[in-house]
Amino acid sequence: MLLPGSHFPVPALNRSVVLLCLCLLPLFQLQSQQPSTRLQAGAAAAELQADDSMIIAGGITGYQLQGQEGKLRCVAVVLALGPQKLAIVACDVLMMTRQVLDPVIAEIESATGISRSNVLINCTHTHHAPSTMRVHDYAPDTVFTRRVQEGIVAAVKSAASKLGDADFLFALGEEKTV
């Protein structure tokens, strides 16, 4: 008998020992490896409070509304694979500047350990939320802007605390009627 890749014969007496070692080799490799790393995910939302005195963003001129039809939220998903984590956040506001978001990202990094380069904050560009930056002839509502900042941090911290094993799946679909 020759071992694979070998030109030296193995004595018949040792064949069973060699076969046993070859069969047990995968078991030793499994024991020496660390447990497999699983994708983890957590999600959370923070509701944003607005009131009728706040200027709504998105028009050429600012305007005010009576009441609120739906919720304004900051929604966060945190994904982790081993020590690497990332946060993806969506905020129901028109838009925000780095001047407003950089301190938020620093706070997220400090509170969760998620690197600032692994944080993505998206604005849904709704025209039905109070102003968070200067647009045309109106300024940001400082109270609401602070609530958005706090909401982003709260949503990410909550999502990070809810990390659990997850499967990454996808599907392909097609909508032919639109």
Protein backbone atom coordinates (compact mmCIF):
# COMPACT_ATOMS: atom_id res chain seq x y z
CA MET A 1 0.00 0.00 0.00
CA LEU A 2 1.21 3.52 -0.83
CA LEU A 3 0.07 6.64 0.99
CA PRO A 4 -1.30 9.32 -1.34
CA GLY A 5 1.58 11.41 -2.71
CA SER A 6 4.15 8.96 -1.34
CA HIS A 7 6.55 6.59 -3.07
CA PHE A 8 7.29 4.61 0.08
CA PRO A 9 5.29 1.44 0.79
CA VAL A 10 3.58 1.06 4.17
CA PRO A 11 4.14 -2.37 5.78
CA ALA A 12 0.99 -4.51 5.95
CA LEU A 13 1.19 -4.58 9.75
CA ASN A 14 0.81 -0.78 9.97
CA ARG A 15 -2.00 -0.47 7.41
CA SER A 16 -4.75 -0.60 10.00
CA VAL A 17 -2.99 2.01 12.16
CA VAL A 18 -2.62 4.33 9.15
CA LEU A 19 -6.27 3.86 8.16
CA LEU A 20 -7.40 4.52 11.72
CA CYS A 21 -5.33 7.73 11.86
CA LEU A 22 -6.72 8.88 8.52
CA CYS A 23 -10.27 8.27 9.77
CA LEU A 24 -9.68 10.08 13.06
CA LEU A 25 -7.83 13.05 11.56
CA PRO A 26 -11.01 15.05 10.81
CA LEU A 27 -12.11 14.64 14.44
CA PHE A 28 -8.86 16.11 15.72
CA GLN A 29 -9.14 19.00 13.28
CA LEU A 30 -12.68 19.74 14.46
CA GLN A 31 -11.59 19.80 18.09
CA SER A 32 -8.71 22.17 17.39
CA GLN A 33 -10.85 24.69 15.52
CA GLN A 34 -12.77 27.39 17.31
CA PRO A 35 -16.55 27.20 17.11
CA SER A 36 -17.90 28.53 13.85
CA THR A 37 -18.83 32.19 13.84
CA ARG A 38 -22.51 32.85 13.21
CA LEU A 39 -24.09 35.97 11.88
CA GLN A 40 -25.97 37.84 14.58
CA ALA A 41 -28.62 40.52 14.13
CA GLY A 42 -30.63 42.81 16.34
CA ALA A 43 -33.28 45.40 15.48
CA ALA A 44 -35.02 48.19 17.37
CA ALA A 45 -36.92 51.42 16.85
CA ALA A 46 -37.26 54.66 18.76
CA GLU A 47 -40.34 56.83 18.28
CA LEU A 48 -39.76 60.54 17.71
CA GLN A 49 -42.10 63.04 19.36
CA ALA A 50 -43.19 66.09 17.37
CA ASP A 51 -45.79 68.73 18.18
CA ASP A 52 -47.93 71.22 16.29
CA SER A 53 -45.60 74.15 17.05
CA MET A 54 -42.75 72.66 14.99
CA ILE A 55 -42.02 73.80 11.42
CA ILE A 56 -42.38 70.95 8.91
CA ALA A 57 -39.48 70.53 6.46
CA GLY A 58 -39.59 69.94 2.74
CA GLY A 59 -41.38 72.91 1.22
CA ILE A 60 -40.04 76.17 -0.12
CA THR A 61 -41.55 77.83 2.93
CA GLY A 62 -41.99 76.20 6.30
CA TYR A 63 -45.46 75.32 7.52
CA GLN A 64 -47.11 73.81 10.56
CA LEU A 65 -49.56 70.94 10.83
CA GLN A 66 -52.38 70.10 13.19
CA GLY A 67 -51.85 66.63 14.64
CA GLN A 68 -49.79 63.76 13.35
CA GLU A 69 -51.12 60.91 11.19
CA GLY A 70 -48.33 58.39 11.61
CA LYS A 71 -45.29 57.69 13.71
CA LEU A 72 -41.91 59.23 13.07
CA ARG A 73 -39.16 56.79 14.03
CA CYS A 74 -35.50 55.95 14.02
CA VAL A 75 -35.11 52.28 13.11
CA ALA A 76 -31.80 50.47 13.58
CA VAL A 77 -30.38 47.11 12.60
CA VAL A 78 -27.09 45.93 14.08
CA LEU A 79 -25.25 43.05 12.42
CA ALA A 80 -22.29 41.22 13.94
CA LEU A 81 -19.97 38.57 12.56
CA GLY A 82 -17.37 37.67 15.12
CA PRO A 83 -15.91 40.86 16.60
CA GLN A 84 -17.03 43.00 13.64
CA LYS A 85 -20.28 44.94 14.08
CA LEU A 86 -22.12 47.40 11.90
CA ALA A 87 -25.19 49.54 12.39
CA ILE A 88 -27.66 50.68 9.75
CA VAL A 89 -30.15 53.35 10.81
CA ALA A 90 -33.12 54.93 9.02
CA CYS A 91 -34.61 58.17 10.36
CA ASP A 92 -37.97 59.63 9.37
CA VAL A 93 -36.64 63.12 8.61
CA LEU A 94 -35.94 65.09 5.44
CA MET A 95 -32.16 65.27 5.82
CA MET A 96 -29.39 65.89 8.35
CA THR A 97 -25.84 67.22 8.24
CA ARG A 98 -22.61 65.74 9.52
CA GLN A 99 -22.52 68.52 12.13
CA VAL A 100 -25.59 66.90 13.67
CA LEU A 101 -24.65 63.27 12.99
CA ASP A 102 -20.93 63.14 13.88
CA PRO A 103 -21.56 63.53 17.64
CA VAL A 104 -24.24 60.83 17.38
CA ILE A 105 -21.82 58.42 15.70
CA ALA A 106 -19.19 59.15 18.36
CA GLU A 107 -21.74 58.35 21.07
CA ILE A 108 -22.73 55.11 19.30
CA GLU A 109 -19.06 54.09 19.09
CA SER A 110 -18.54 54.85 22.77
CA ALA A 111 -21.70 53.08 23.94
CA THR A 112 -21.62 49.98 21.71
CA GLY A 113 -18.07 49.56 20.45
CA ILE A 114 -19.29 49.77 16.85
CA SER A 115 -16.60 51.57 14.85
CA ARG A 116 -17.68 54.93 13.44
CA SER A 117 -16.70 53.66 9.99
CA ASN A 118 -19.29 50.89 10.39
CA VAL A 119 -22.29 53.15 11.05
CA LEU A 120 -24.64 54.15 8.23
CA ILE A 121 -27.39 56.67 8.98
CA ASN A 122 -30.04 57.21 6.31
CA CYS A 123 -32.79 59.83 6.19
CA THR A 124 -36.04 58.67 4.59
CA HIS A 125 -36.51 62.16 3.11
CA THR A 126 -40.04 62.52 4.40
CA HIS A 127 -41.64 65.91 3.82
CA HIS A 128 -43.85 65.36 6.88
CA ALA A 129 -41.43 65.76 9.80
CA PRO A 130 -40.12 68.82 11.61
CA SER A 131 -37.03 70.47 10.17
CA THR A 132 -33.61 69.14 11.20
CA MET A 133 -31.52 71.56 9.11
CA ARG A 134 -31.70 74.92 7.37
CA VAL A 135 -33.73 74.62 4.18
CA HIS A 136 -34.86 77.62 2.14
CA ASP A 137 -36.36 80.13 4.60
CA TYR A 138 -36.58 78.11 7.82
CA ALA A 139 -34.11 76.80 10.36
CA PRO A 140 -33.90 73.46 12.12
CA ASP A 141 -36.12 72.85 15.11
CA THR A 142 -33.48 72.38 17.81
CA VAL A 143 -35.77 70.42 20.13
CA PHE A 144 -36.80 67.94 17.44
CA THR A 145 -33.23 67.67 16.10
CA ARG A 146 -32.02 66.72 19.58
CA ARG A 147 -34.82 64.14 19.83
CA VAL A 148 -33.67 62.62 16.54
CA GLN A 149 -30.08 62.44 17.78
CA GLU A 150 -31.22 60.74 20.98
CA GLY A 151 -33.52 58.43 19.01
CA ILE A 152 -30.69 57.26 16.75
CA VAL A 153 -28.47 56.41 19.71
CA ALA A 154 -31.32 54.71 21.61
CA ALA A 155 -32.31 52.59 18.59
CA VAL A 156 -28.73 51.43 17.93
CA LYS A 157 -28.05 50.66 21.60
CA SER A 158 -31.29 48.68 21.85
CA ALA A 159 -30.60 46.79 18.61
CA ALA A 160 -27.06 45.96 19.78
CA SER A 161 -28.43 44.59 23.05
CA LYS A 162 -30.77 42.28 21.13
CA LEU A 163 -28.13 40.56 19.00
CA GLY A 164 -29.02 36.95 18.35
CA ASP A 165 -28.18 34.26 15.83
CA ALA A 166 -29.50 35.04 12.37
CA ASP A 167 -29.54 33.59 8.89
CA PHE A 168 -28.82 35.79 5.89
CA LEU A 169 -31.34 34.87 3.22
CA PHE A 170 -32.46 36.48 0.02
CA ALA A 171 -35.07 35.93 -2.63
CA LEU A 172 -35.62 37.23 -6.10
CA GLY A 173 -38.99 38.58 -7.06
CA GLU A 174 -40.58 40.51 -9.87
CA GLU A 175 -43.55 42.86 -9.89
CA LYS A 176 -44.99 43.01 -13.41
CA THR A 177 -48.07 45.13 -12.72
CA VAL A 178 -46.35 48.41 -11.84
